Amino acid sequence: MTRRFTSSAVLGALVLGAALFAVPANAQPLHLKIASPSPAGGFDTVMAQKVADKMKAKMGDQFTYELFDNATIGDEVVHMQQVRTGQIDMTPLGSDAVTLDPAWAVFDMPFIFADRAAVAKALDGPFGEKMAASMREQAGLEVLAFGEIGFRQITNSVRPIKTPADFQGMKIRVPGSETRMLTFKTLGATPVNMNFGEVFLALQNKTIDGQENPLNDIVERSLNEVQPNISISNHVYTPVTFVMNARKYAALPDDQKAMLKEAALEAAKEVRELGAVKDVELLAELKQAGKNEIIEIDRDSFVAASQPLYEQIGAIAGGTYAADLLEAVK
């Protein structure tokens, strides 16, 4: 579905009135073209919509935008190319951000973030600024803020996964990053790279045995309907890296740059709060429905099996990014 929003979009009278009062009459108009690979309920799309809504509230009729969701103009890989060439202005990046900047490999280090407080401490502070500088240099993209894809869980149709030994013989779909593939190979699975849009059918046909994603994506894409076993692992936290074409960003007036950063950070925090609520709600709904076996993993066994990965992933990320992240979450 493609949704186009222009200056005729209706906001609450008080909010719009305040925004118009705050923006000078001669303010420079801003139009943004935004694309997201997920449907409207995906957290990356939710964040994109929130950023646009907040900019509309700040700038009123001076701000217009187009938001293309649900992979209407391409998947995440296409969006990464489009935002770098200027065909679109903004997009939320998930796991595939590592293909643009190897520093993003640090987000594949398992069991790094204890909770969302640790996420905020790291990503909203100096470590997040260092990562943003790297993405600007490596890919020509301005990181506006880090939102949330979420804490990832493991599903499969073979057997309950409680320890790494339970992965034996299983084909688990993972995003295409070298480090995610390495992680699941180290844990004992056979990792399979596959476009997310193809996963449901592959699970249904048992071409693959399982996959790993946050609960919101598992339910949003109906993966729980073809995956009887859901292991609550929280093994990796994937942020939304919300980016803008750096040339477009650099050309903006300083006040609009500040508005965008503020809007994106506000949206990021709200999506993290939404993620926390949805994790609780969706888990309760799944348990009540009784169609899936919900498994609590033996975390200690997974952490022990993951130990070789920290040095290996750190080497792939390069520099001191892995050490810096470990320090940032203390």
C-alpha atoms as a PDB file:
ATOM      1  CA  MET A   1       0.000   0.000   0.000  1.00  0.00           C
ATOM      2  CA  THR A   2       1.295   3.477  -0.849  1.00  0.00           C
ATOM      3  CA  ARG A   3       0.226   6.431   1.220  1.00  0.00           C
ATOM      4  CA  ARG A   4       0.814  10.015   0.092  1.00  0.00           C
ATOM      5  CA  PHE A   5       0.416  12.835   2.548  1.00  0.00           C
ATOM      6  CA  THR A   6       0.436  16.505   1.514  1.00  0.00           C
ATOM      7  CA  SER A   7      -0.201  19.877   3.100  1.00  0.00           C
ATOM      8  CA  SER A   8      -3.900  19.076   3.158  1.00  0.00           C
ATOM      9  CA  ALA A   9      -3.386  16.426   5.839  1.00  0.00           C
ATOM     10  CA  VAL A  10      -5.507  17.248   8.856  1.00  0.00           C
ATOM     11  CA  LEU A  11      -4.017  17.616  12.313  1.00  0.00           C
ATOM     12  CA  GLY A  12      -5.586  18.722  15.551  1.00  0.00           C
ATOM     13  CA  ALA A  13      -6.375  22.414  15.461  1.00  0.00           C
ATOM     14  CA  LEU A  14      -4.366  23.289  18.539  1.00  0.00           C
ATOM     15  CA  VAL A  15      -1.257  21.384  17.433  1.00  0.00           C
ATOM     16  CA  LEU A  16      -1.344  22.816  13.938  1.00  0.00           C
ATOM     17  CA  GLY A  17      -2.042  26.301  15.210  1.00  0.00           C
ATOM     18  CA  ALA A  18       0.923  26.135  17.538  1.00  0.00           C
ATOM     19  CA  ALA A  19       3.161  24.817  14.774  1.00  0.00           C
ATOM     20  CA  LEU A  20       2.164  27.547  12.344  1.00  0.00           C
ATOM     21  CA  PHE A  21       2.716  30.193  14.983  1.00  0.00           C
ATOM     22  CA  ALA A  22       6.203  28.822  15.662  1.00  0.00           C
ATOM     23  CA  VAL A  23       7.313  28.750  12.000  1.00  0.00           C
ATOM     24  CA  PRO A  24       8.305  32.072  10.398  1.00  0.00           C
ATOM     25  CA  ALA A  25       6.189  33.116   7.433  1.00  0.00           C
ATOM     26  CA  ASN A  26       9.236  33.022   5.157  1.00  0.00           C
ATOM     27  CA  ALA A  27      10.392  29.575   6.335  1.00  0.00           C
ATOM     28  CA  GLN A  28      11.831  27.330   3.617  1.00  0.00           C
ATOM     29  CA  PRO A  29       9.400  24.557   2.615  1.00  0.00           C
ATOM     30  CA  LEU A  30      10.532  20.969   3.048  1.00  0.00           C
ATOM     31  CA  HIS A  31       9.289  17.938   1.119  1.00  0.00           C
ATOM     32  CA  LEU A  32      10.562  14.449   1.952  1.00  0.00           C
ATOM     33  CA  LYS A  33      10.169  11.133   0.175  1.00  0.00           C
ATOM     34  CA  ILE A  34      10.295   8.258   2.692  1.00  0.00           C
ATOM     35  CA  ALA A  35      10.238   4.493   2.079  1.00  0.00           C
ATOM     36  CA  SER A  36       9.908   1.534   4.439  1.00  0.00           C
ATOM     37  CA  PRO A  37       9.972  -2.196   3.582  1.00  0.00           C
ATOM     38  CA  SER A  38       7.461  -3.215   6.265  1.00  0.00           C
ATOM     39  CA  PRO A  39       3.670  -2.972   6.486  1.00  0.00           C
ATOM     40  CA  ALA A  40       2.050  -0.213   8.517  1.00  0.00           C
ATOM     41  CA  GLY A  41       2.352  -2.148  11.794  1.00  0.00           C
ATOM     42  CA  GLY A  42       6.092  -2.793  11.484  1.00  0.00           C
ATOM     43  CA  PHE A  43       8.101  -0.753  13.955  1.00  0.00           C
ATOM     44  CA  ASP A  44      10.328   0.664  11.208  1.00  0.00           C
ATOM     45  CA  THR A  45       7.262   1.967   9.363  1.00  0.00           C
ATOM     46  CA  VAL A  46       5.735   3.192  12.633  1.00  0.00           C
ATOM     47  CA  MET A  47       8.894   5.183  13.302  1.00  0.00           C
ATOM     48  CA  ALA A  48       8.884   6.655   9.785  1.00  0.00           C
ATOM     49  CA  GLN A  49       5.268   7.750  10.234  1.00  0.00           C
ATOM     50  CA  LYS A  50       6.001   9.255  13.635  1.00  0.00           C
ATOM     51  CA  VAL A  51       8.924  11.281  12.263  1.00  0.00           C
ATOM     52  CA  ALA A  52       6.710  12.627   9.476  1.00  0.00           C
ATOM     53  CA  ASP A  53       3.872  13.456  11.892  1.00  0.00           C
ATOM     54  CA  LYS A  54       6.212  15.277  14.236  1.00  0.00           C
ATOM     55  CA  MET A  55       7.711  17.314  11.411  1.00  0.00           C
ATOM     56  CA  LYS A  56       4.197  18.210  10.264  1.00  0.00           C
ATOM     57  CA  ALA A  57       3.376  19.401  13.774  1.00  0.00           C
ATOM     58  CA  LYS A  58       6.561  21.488  13.882  1.00  0.00           C
ATOM     59  CA  MET A  59       6.350  23.043  10.385  1.00  0.00           C
ATOM     60  CA  GLY A  60       2.670  22.944   9.446  1.00  0.00           C
ATOM     61  CA  ASP A  61       1.974  23.637   5.764  1.00  0.00           C
ATOM     62  CA  GLN A  62       5.671  24.196   5.103  1.00  0.00           C
ATOM     63  CA  PHE A  63       6.220  20.439   5.416  1.00  0.00           C
ATOM     64  CA  THR A  64       4.910  17.807   2.974  1.00  0.00           C
ATOM     65  CA  TYR A  65       5.879  14.193   2.479  1.00  0.00           C
ATOM     66  CA  GLU A  66       5.282  10.893   0.725  1.00  0.00           C
ATOM     67  CA  LEU A  67       5.557   7.634   2.662  1.00  0.00           C
ATOM     68  CA  PHE A  68       5.829   4.386   0.708  1.00  0.00           C
ATOM     69  CA  ASP A  69       5.424   1.392   3.041  1.00  0.00           C
ATOM     70  CA  ASN A  70       5.156  -2.384   2.636  1.00  0.00           C
ATOM     71  CA  ALA A  71       8.018  -2.526   0.084  1.00  0.00           C
ATOM     72  CA  THR A  72       5.900  -0.636  -2.458  1.00  0.00           C
ATOM     73  CA  ILE A  73       8.970   0.719  -4.247  1.00  0.00           C
ATOM     74  CA  GLY A  74      11.392  -2.042  -3.281  1.00  0.00           C
ATOM     75  CA  ASP A  75      12.743  -3.983  -0.338  1.00  0.00           C
ATOM     76  CA  GLU A  76      15.316  -2.812   2.199  1.00  0.00           C
ATOM     77  CA  VAL A  77      18.221  -3.533  -0.146  1.00  0.00           C
ATOM     78  CA  VAL A  78      16.625  -1.363  -2.844  1.00  0.00           C
ATOM     79  CA  HIS A  79      15.893   1.382  -0.319  1.00  0.00           C
ATOM     80  CA  MET A  80      19.541   1.457   0.749  1.00  0.00           C
ATOM     81  CA  GLN A  81      20.517   2.167  -2.850  1.00  0.00           C
ATOM     82  CA  GLN A  82      17.718   4.664  -3.370  1.00  0.00           C
ATOM     83  CA  VAL A  83      18.535   6.739  -0.297  1.00  0.00           C
ATOM     84  CA  ARG A  84      22.218   6.902  -1.235  1.00  0.00           C
ATOM     85  CA  THR A  85      21.442   8.080  -4.776  1.00  0.00           C
ATOM     86  CA  GLY A  86      18.794  10.552  -3.628  1.00  0.00           C
ATOM     87  CA  GLN A  87      15.813   8.776  -5.222  1.00  0.00           C
ATOM     88  CA  ILE A  88      14.321   8.773  -1.732  1.00  0.00           C
ATOM     89  CA  ASP A  89      15.303  11.049   1.136  1.00  0.00           C
ATOM     90  CA  MET A  90      14.830   8.888   4.226  1.00  0.00           C
ATOM     91  CA  THR A  91      14.468   5.226   5.171  1.00  0.00           C
ATOM     92  CA  PRO A  92      14.629   3.049   8.305  1.00  0.00           C
ATOM     93  CA  LEU A  93      17.364   0.401   8.119  1.00  0.00           C
ATOM     94  CA  GLY A  94      17.285  -2.899   9.983  1.00  0.00           C
ATOM     95  CA  SER A  95      19.815  -5.738  10.026  1.00  0.00           C
ATOM     96  CA  ASP A  96      21.010  -5.043   6.490  1.00  0.00           C
ATOM     97  CA  ALA A  97      22.599  -1.756   7.597  1.00  0.00           C
ATOM     98  CA  VAL A  98      25.771  -3.795   8.160  1.00  0.00           C
ATOM     99  CA  THR A  99      26.151  -4.154   4.379  1.00  0.00           C
ATOM    100  CA  LEU A 100      26.706  -0.392   4.209  1.00  0.00           C
ATOM    101  CA  ASP A 101      29.010  -0.109   7.218  1.00  0.00           C
ATOM    102  CA  PRO A 102      30.819  -3.069   8.830  1.00  0.00           C
ATOM    103  CA  ALA A 103      30.728  -1.286  12.208  1.00  0.00           C
ATOM    104  CA  TRP A 104      27.046  -2.326  12.402  1.00  0.00           C
ATOM    105  CA  ALA A 105      28.248  -5.898  12.917  1.00  0.00           C
ATOM    106  CA  VAL A 106      28.451  -5.086  16.639  1.00  0.00           C
ATOM    107  CA  PHE A 107      24.653  -5.316  16.833  1.00  0.00           C
ATOM    108  CA  ASP A 108      24.962  -9.027  16.018  1.00  0.00           C
ATOM    109  CA  MET A 109      26.965  -9.731  19.170  1.00  0.00           C
ATOM    110  CA  PRO A 110      24.509 -11.923  21.116  1.00  0.00           C
ATOM    111  CA  PHE A 111      23.200 -11.108  24.601  1.00  0.00           C
ATOM    112  CA  ILE A 112      24.782  -7.620  24.721  1.00  0.00           C
ATOM    113  CA  PHE A 113      21.721  -5.575  25.709  1.00  0.00           C
ATOM    114  CA  ALA A 114      20.100  -6.584  28.992  1.00  0.00           C
ATOM    115  CA  ASP A 115      17.093  -4.315  28.429  1.00  0.00           C
ATOM    116  CA  ARG A 116      15.940  -1.165  26.643  1.00  0.00           C
ATOM    117  CA  ALA A 117      17.529   1.048  29.289  1.00  0.00           C
ATOM    118  CA  ALA A 118      20.900  -0.315  28.158  1.00  0.00           C
ATOM    119  CA  VAL A 119      19.889   0.309  24.540  1.00  0.00           C
ATOM    120  CA  ALA A 120      19.061   3.954  25.238  1.00  0.00           C
ATOM    121  CA  LYS A 121      22.250   4.470  27.242  1.00  0.00           C
ATOM    122  CA  ALA A 122      24.388   3.251  24.359  1.00  0.00           C
ATOM    123  CA  LEU A 123      22.568   4.468  21.270  1.00  0.00           C
ATOM    124  CA  ASP A 124      21.403   7.885  22.486  1.00  0.00           C
ATOM    125  CA  GLY A 125      24.868   8.766  23.788  1.00  0.00           C
ATOM    126  CA  PRO A 126      28.477   9.052  22.575  1.00  0.00           C
ATOM    127  CA  PHE A 127      28.551   5.505  21.190  1.00  0.00           C
ATOM    128  CA  GLY A 128      25.560   6.282  18.962  1.00  0.00           C
ATOM    129  CA  GLU A 129      27.287   9.478  17.796  1.00  0.00           C
ATOM    130  CA  LYS A 130      30.413   7.486  16.911  1.00  0.00           C
ATOM    131  CA  MET A 131      28.325   5.011  14.911  1.00  0.00           C
ATOM    132  CA  ALA A 132      26.575   7.879  13.113  1.00  0.00           C
ATOM    133  CA  ALA A 133      29.922   9.396  12.145  1.00  0.00           C
ATOM    134  CA  SER A 134      31.005   6.061  10.706  1.00  0.00           C
ATOM    135  CA  MET A 135      27.825   5.660   8.628  1.00  0.00           C
ATOM    136  CA  ARG A 136      28.227   9.218   7.326  1.00  0.00           C
ATOM    137  CA  GLU A 137      31.780   8.451   6.211  1.00  0.00           C
ATOM    138  CA  GLN A 138      31.184   4.925   4.910  1.00  0.00           C
ATOM    139  CA  ALA A 139      27.833   5.342   3.151  1.00  0.00           C
ATOM    140  CA  GLY A 140      27.032   9.042   2.825  1.00  0.00           C
ATOM    141  CA  LEU A 141      24.018   8.729   5.109  1.00  0.00           C
ATOM    142  CA  GLU A 142      23.039  10.878   8.075  1.00  0.00           C
ATOM    143  CA  VAL A 143      21.784   8.866  11.039  1.00  0.00           C
ATOM    144  CA  LEU A 144      18.939  10.873  12.569  1.00  0.00           C
ATOM    145  CA  ALA A 145      18.261   8.471  15.471  1.00  0.00           C
ATOM    146  CA  PHE A 146      18.181   4.817  16.482  1.00  0.00           C
ATOM    147  CA  GLY A 147      14.708   3.364  16.813  1.00  0.00           C
ATOM    148  CA  GLU A 148      13.678  -0.236  17.299  1.00  0.00           C
ATOM    149  CA  ILE A 149      13.145  -3.424  15.367  1.00  0.00           C
ATOM    150  CA  GLY A 150      13.391  -5.127  18.749  1.00  0.00           C
ATOM    151  CA  PHE A 151      14.662  -8.068  20.778  1.00  0.00           C
ATOM    152  CA  ARG A 152      14.727 -11.133  18.555  1.00  0.00           C
ATOM    153  CA  GLN A 153      13.175 -14.525  19.355  1.00  0.00           C
ATOM    154  CA  ILE A 154      13.628 -17.919  17.680  1.00  0.00           C
ATOM    155  CA  THR A 155      10.810 -19.942  16.111  1.00  0.00           C
ATOM    156  CA  ASN A 156      10.862 -23.380  14.492  1.00  0.00           C
ATOM    157  CA  SER A 157       8.700 -26.334  13.453  1.00  0.00           C
ATOM    158  CA  VAL A 158      10.975 -29.211  14.528  1.00  0.00           C
ATOM    159  CA  ARG A 159      11.405 -29.195  18.309  1.00  0.00           C
ATOM    160  CA  PRO A 160      11.527 -26.768  21.256  1.00  0.00           C
ATOM    161  CA  ILE A 161      14.854 -24.917  21.371  1.00  0.00           C
ATOM    162  CA  LYS A 162      16.086 -24.508  24.935  1.00  0.00           C
ATOM    163  CA  THR A 163      19.844 -25.006  24.534  1.00  0.00           C
ATOM    164  CA  PRO A 164      22.205 -24.634  21.540  1.00  0.00           C
ATOM    165  CA  ALA A 165      22.251 -28.439  21.185  1.00  0.00           C
ATOM    166  CA  ASP A 166      18.588 -28.276  20.119  1.00  0.00           C
ATOM    167  CA  PHE A 167      19.629 -26.519  16.889  1.00  0.00           C
ATOM    168  CA  GLN A 168      21.195 -29.719  15.590  1.00  0.00           C
ATOM    169  CA  GLY A 169      20.162 -30.304  11.965  1.00  0.00           C
ATOM    170  CA  MET A 170      17.923 -27.207  11.735  1.00  0.00           C
ATOM    171  CA  LYS A 171      17.879 -24.758   8.846  1.00  0.00           C
ATOM    172  CA  ILE A 172      17.271 -21.306  10.363  1.00  0.00           C
ATOM    173  CA  ARG A 173      16.625 -18.283   8.170  1.00  0.00           C
ATOM    174  CA  VAL A 174      18.707 -15.263   9.129  1.00  0.00           C
ATOM    175  CA  PRO A 175      19.311 -11.850   7.518  1.00  0.00           C
ATOM    176  CA  GLY A 176      22.200 -11.800   5.089  1.00  0.00           C
ATOM    177  CA  SER A 177      24.873 -10.340   7.339  1.00  0.00           C
ATOM    178  CA  GLU A 178      28.071 -12.358   7.706  1.00  0.00           C
ATOM    179  CA  THR A 179      27.937 -11.976  11.471  1.00  0.00           C
ATOM    180  CA  ARG A 180      24.360 -13.242  11.924  1.00  0.00           C
ATOM    181  CA  MET A 181      25.232 -16.242   9.774  1.00  0.00           C
ATOM    182  CA  LEU A 182      28.349 -16.793  11.902  1.00  0.00           C
ATOM    183  CA  THR A 183      26.336 -16.547  15.129  1.00  0.00           C
ATOM    184  CA  PHE A 184      23.842 -19.244  14.234  1.00  0.00           C
ATOM    185  CA  LYS A 185      26.513 -21.514  12.776  1.00  0.00           C
ATOM    186  CA  THR A 186      28.451 -21.182  16.047  1.00  0.00           C
ATOM    187  CA  LEU A 187      25.314 -22.012  18.018  1.00  0.00           C
ATOM    188  CA  GLY A 188      24.844 -25.224  16.019  1.00  0.00           C
ATOM    189  CA  ALA A 189      22.228 -24.332  13.381  1.00  0.00           C
ATOM    190  CA  THR A 190      22.529 -24.272   9.601  1.00  0.00           C
ATOM    191  CA  PRO A 191      21.894 -20.595   8.781  1.00  0.00           C
ATOM    192  CA  VAL A 192      20.087 -19.788   5.529  1.00  0.00           C
ATOM    193  CA  ASN A 193      20.050 -16.319   3.989  1.00  0.00           C
ATOM    194  CA  MET A 194      16.644 -15.455   2.554  1.00  0.00           C
ATOM    195  CA  ASN A 195      14.671 -12.309   1.769  1.00  0.00           C
ATOM    196  CA  PHE A 196      12.172 -11.707   4.585  1.00  0.00           C
ATOM    197  CA  GLY A 197       9.307 -11.493   2.113  1.00  0.00           C
ATOM    198  CA  GLU A 198       9.908 -15.141   1.145  1.00  0.00           C
ATOM    199  CA  VAL A 199      10.082 -16.504   4.690  1.00  0.00           C
ATOM    200  CA  PHE A 200       6.422 -17.327   5.372  1.00  0.00           C
ATOM    201  CA  LEU A 201       6.072 -19.557   2.317  1.00  0.00           C
ATOM    202  CA  ALA A 202       9.437 -21.222   2.997  1.00  0.00           C
ATOM    203  CA  LEU A 203       8.381 -22.005   6.566  1.00  0.00           C
ATOM    204  CA  GLN A 204       4.980 -23.224   5.435  1.00  0.00           C
ATOM    205  CA  ASN A 205       6.570 -25.527   2.849  1.00  0.00           C
ATOM    206  CA  LYS A 206       9.275 -26.567   5.340  1.00  0.00           C
ATOM    207  CA  THR A 207      12.022 -25.474   2.971  1.00  0.00           C
ATOM    208  CA  ILE A 208      13.493 -24.020   6.146  1.00  0.00           C
ATOM    209  CA  ASP A 209      12.806 -25.077   9.728  1.00  0.00           C
ATOM    210  CA  GLY A 210      12.816 -21.784  11.567  1.00  0.00           C
ATOM    211  CA  GLN A 211      13.708 -18.116  11.736  1.00  0.00           C
ATOM    212  CA  GLU A 212      14.487 -15.374  14.253  1.00  0.00           C
ATOM    213  CA  ASN A 213      12.749 -12.015  14.604  1.00  0.00           C
ATOM    214  CA  PRO A 214      11.053  -9.861  17.243  1.00  0.00           C
ATOM    215  CA  LEU A 215       7.589 -10.927  18.371  1.00  0.00           C
ATOM    216  CA  ASN A 216       5.977  -7.974  16.615  1.00  0.00           C
ATOM    217  CA  ASP A 217       7.342  -9.094  13.242  1.00  0.00           C
ATOM    218  CA  ILE A 218       6.559 -12.750  13.970  1.00  0.00           C
ATOM    219  CA  VAL A 219       2.885 -11.909  14.599  1.00  0.00           C
ATOM    220  CA  GLU A 220       2.658  -9.099  12.000  1.00  0.00           C
ATOM    221  CA  ARG A 221       3.811 -11.539   9.314  1.00  0.00           C
ATOM    222  CA  SER A 222       1.739 -14.461  10.748  1.00  0.00           C
ATOM    223  CA  LEU A 223       4.851 -16.604  11.185  1.00  0.00           C
ATOM    224  CA  ASN A 224       3.427 -17.990  14.434  1.00  0.00           C
ATOM    225  CA  GLU A 225       0.738 -19.700  12.353  1.00  0.00           C
ATOM    226  CA  VAL A 226       3.332 -21.973  10.700  1.00  0.00           C
ATOM    227  CA  GLN A 227       5.842 -22.184  13.577  1.00  0.00           C
ATOM    228  CA  PRO A 228       4.603 -24.147  16.605  1.00  0.00           C
ATOM    229  CA  ASN A 229       7.682 -23.492  18.781  1.00  0.00           C
ATOM    230  CA  ILE A 230       8.661 -19.997  19.959  1.00  0.00           C
ATOM    231  CA  SER A 231      11.807 -19.690  22.098  1.00  0.00           C
ATOM    232  CA  ILE A 232      12.015 -16.441  24.057  1.00  0.00           C
ATOM    233  CA  SER A 233      15.726 -15.794  23.651  1.00  0.00           C
ATOM    234  CA  ASN A 234      16.249 -12.020  23.331  1.00  0.00           C
ATOM    235  CA  HIS A 235      19.531 -13.087  21.733  1.00  0.00           C
ATOM    236  CA  VAL A 236      20.011  -9.929  19.660  1.00  0.00           C
ATOM    237  CA  TYR A 237      18.531  -6.439  19.786  1.00  0.00           C
ATOM    238  CA  THR A 238      18.166  -4.895  16.329  1.00  0.00           C
ATOM    239  CA  PRO A 239      17.816  -1.119  16.187  1.00  0.00           C
ATOM    240  CA  VAL A 240      16.169   0.869  13.421  1.00  0.00           C
ATOM    241  CA  THR A 241      18.923   3.010  11.982  1.00  0.00           C
ATOM    242  CA  PHE A 242      16.825   5.886  10.666  1.00  0.00           C
ATOM    243  CA  VAL A 243      18.857   7.532   7.921  1.00  0.00           C
ATOM    244  CA  MET A 244      18.661  10.445   5.520  1.00  0.00           C
ATOM    245  CA  ASN A 245      20.635  11.174   2.385  1.00  0.00           C
ATOM    246  CA  ALA A 246      23.590  13.132   3.784  1.00  0.00           C
ATOM    247  CA  ARG A 247      23.730  15.632   0.895  1.00  0.00           C
ATOM    248  CA  LYS A 248      20.047  16.460   1.319  1.00  0.00           C
ATOM    249  CA  TYR A 249      20.510  16.813   5.072  1.00  0.00           C
ATOM    250  CA  ALA A 250      23.586  19.032   4.723  1.00  0.00           C
ATOM    251  CA  ALA A 251      21.695  21.370   2.375  1.00  0.00           C
ATOM    252  CA  LEU A 252      18.947  22.061   4.905  1.00  0.00           C
ATOM    253  CA  PRO A 253      18.808  25.194   7.055  1.00  0.00           C
ATOM    254  CA  ASP A 254      20.088  24.667  10.596  1.00  0.00           C
ATOM    255  CA  ASP A 255      16.605  24.958  12.107  1.00  0.00           C
ATOM    256  CA  GLN A 256      15.269  22.148   9.904  1.00  0.00           C
ATOM    257  CA  LYS A 257      18.258  19.958  10.735  1.00  0.00           C
ATOM    258  CA  ALA A 258      17.527  20.457  14.425  1.00  0.00           C
ATOM    259  CA  MET A 259      13.826  19.718  13.912  1.00  0.00           C
ATOM    260  CA  LEU A 260      14.591  16.473  12.088  1.00  0.00           C
ATOM    261  CA  LYS A 261      17.015  15.245  14.752  1.00  0.00           C
ATOM    262  CA  GLU A 262      14.559  16.152  17.495  1.00  0.00           C
ATOM    263  CA  ALA A 263      11.617  14.514  15.704  1.00  0.00           C
ATOM    264  CA  ALA A 264      13.609  11.343  15.020  1.00  0.00           C
ATOM    265  CA  LEU A 265      14.858  11.001  18.602  1.00  0.00           C
ATOM    266  CA  GLU A 266      11.355  11.560  19.988  1.00  0.00           C
ATOM    267  CA  ALA A 267      10.000   8.951  17.568  1.00  0.00           C
ATOM    268  CA  ALA A 268      12.775   6.510  18.478  1.00  0.00           C
ATOM    269  CA  LYS A 269      11.999   6.729  22.179  1.00  0.00           C
ATOM    270  CA  GLU A 270       8.265   6.297  21.555  1.00  0.00           C
ATOM    271  CA  VAL A 271       8.829   3.228  19.361  1.00  0.00           C
ATOM    272  CA  ARG A 272      11.055   1.645  22.026  1.00  0.00           C
ATOM    273  CA  GLU A 273       8.292   2.211  24.575  1.00  0.00           C
ATOM    274  CA  LEU A 274       5.815   0.679  22.132  1.00  0.00           C
ATOM    275  CA  GLY A 275       8.154  -2.274  21.651  1.00  0.00           C
ATOM    276  CA  ALA A 276       8.295  -2.936  25.384  1.00  0.00           C
ATOM    277  CA  VAL A 277       4.501  -2.869  25.648  1.00  0.00           C
ATOM    278  CA  LYS A 278       3.975  -5.030  22.564  1.00  0.00           C
ATOM    279  CA  ASP A 279       6.433  -7.674  23.793  1.00  0.00           C
ATOM    280  CA  VAL A 280       4.360  -8.142  26.930  1.00  0.00           C
ATOM    281  CA  GLU A 281       1.004  -7.998  25.150  1.00  0.00           C
ATOM    282  CA  LEU A 282       1.936 -10.333  22.292  1.00  0.00           C
ATOM    283  CA  LEU A 283       3.521 -12.908  24.573  1.00  0.00           C
ATOM    284  CA  ALA A 284       0.380 -12.934  26.730  1.00  0.00           C
ATOM    285  CA  GLU A 285      -1.831 -13.278  23.631  1.00  0.00           C
ATOM    286  CA  LEU A 286       0.242 -16.161  22.260  1.00  0.00           C
ATOM    287  CA  LYS A 287       0.126 -17.988  25.583  1.00  0.00           C
ATOM    288  CA  GLN A 288      -3.619 -17.465  25.896  1.00  0.00           C
ATOM    289  CA  ALA A 289      -4.268 -18.682  22.341  1.00  0.00           C
ATOM    290  CA  GLY A 290      -2.421 -21.890  23.196  1.00  0.00           C
ATOM    291  CA  LYS A 291      -1.432 -22.680  19.600  1.00  0.00           C
ATOM    292  CA  ASN A 292       2.319 -22.296  20.164  1.00  0.00           C
ATOM    293  CA  GLU A 293       4.686 -23.780  22.691  1.00  0.00           C
ATOM    294  CA  ILE A 294       6.474 -20.900  24.422  1.00  0.00           C
ATOM    295  CA  ILE A 295       9.962 -21.890  25.589  1.00  0.00           C
ATOM    296  CA  GLU A 296      12.293 -20.045  27.949  1.00  0.00           C
ATOM    297  CA  ILE A 297      15.840 -20.737  26.817  1.00  0.00           C
ATOM    298  CA  ASP A 298      18.674 -21.814  29.095  1.00  0.00           C
ATOM    299  CA  ARG A 299      20.404 -18.452  28.778  1.00  0.00           C
ATOM    300  CA  ASP A 300      23.625 -19.558  30.471  1.00  0.00           C
ATOM    301  CA  SER A 301      24.193 -22.315  27.909  1.00  0.00           C
ATOM    302  CA  PHE A 302      23.654 -19.856  25.050  1.00  0.00           C
ATOM    303  CA  VAL A 303      25.960 -17.232  26.564  1.00  0.00           C
ATOM    304  CA  ALA A 304      28.669 -19.870  27.053  1.00  0.00           C
ATOM    305  CA  ALA A 305      28.355 -21.039  23.444  1.00  0.00           C
ATOM    306  CA  SER A 306      28.509 -17.428  22.244  1.00  0.00           C
ATOM    307  CA  GLN A 307      31.858 -16.549  23.833  1.00  0.00           C
ATOM    308  CA  PRO A 308      34.000 -17.059  20.685  1.00  0.00           C
ATOM    309  CA  LEU A 309      31.724 -14.698  18.781  1.00  0.00           C
ATOM    310  CA  TYR A 310      32.607 -11.490  20.611  1.00  0.00           C
ATOM    311  CA  GLU A 311      36.191 -11.421  19.368  1.00  0.00           C
ATOM    312  CA  GLN A 312      35.242 -12.682  15.910  1.00  0.00           C
ATOM    313  CA  ILE A 313      32.448 -10.140  15.410  1.00  0.00           C
ATOM    314  CA  GLY A 314      34.633  -7.387  16.869  1.00  0.00           C
ATOM    315  CA  ALA A 315      37.260  -8.131  14.231  1.00  0.00           C
ATOM    316  CA  ILE A 316      34.647  -7.954  11.458  1.00  0.00           C
ATOM    317  CA  ALA A 317      33.285  -4.642  12.784  1.00  0.00           C
ATOM    318  CA  GLY A 318      36.807  -3.222  12.884  1.00  0.00           C
ATOM    319  CA  GLY A 319      38.266  -0.490  15.055  1.00  0.00           C
ATOM    320  CA  THR A 320      37.186  -0.456  18.681  1.00  0.00           C
ATOM    321  CA  TYR A 321      33.436  -0.567  18.000  1.00  0.00           C
ATOM    322  CA  ALA A 322      32.825  -3.850  19.827  1.00  0.00           C
ATOM    323  CA  ALA A 323      34.832  -2.776  22.881  1.00  0.00           C
ATOM    324  CA  ASP A 324      33.117   0.613  22.848  1.00  0.00           C
ATOM    325  CA  LEU A 325      29.667  -0.986  22.819  1.00  0.00           C
ATOM    326  CA  LEU A 326      30.544  -3.345  25.648  1.00  0.00           C
ATOM    327  CA  GLU A 327      31.734  -0.340  27.639  1.00  0.00           C
ATOM    328  CA  ALA A 328      28.648   1.716  26.752  1.00  0.00           C
ATOM    329  CA  VAL A 329      26.202  -0.880  28.113  1.00  0.00           C
ATOM    330  CA  LYS A 330      27.936  -1.302  31.487  1.00  0.00           C
END
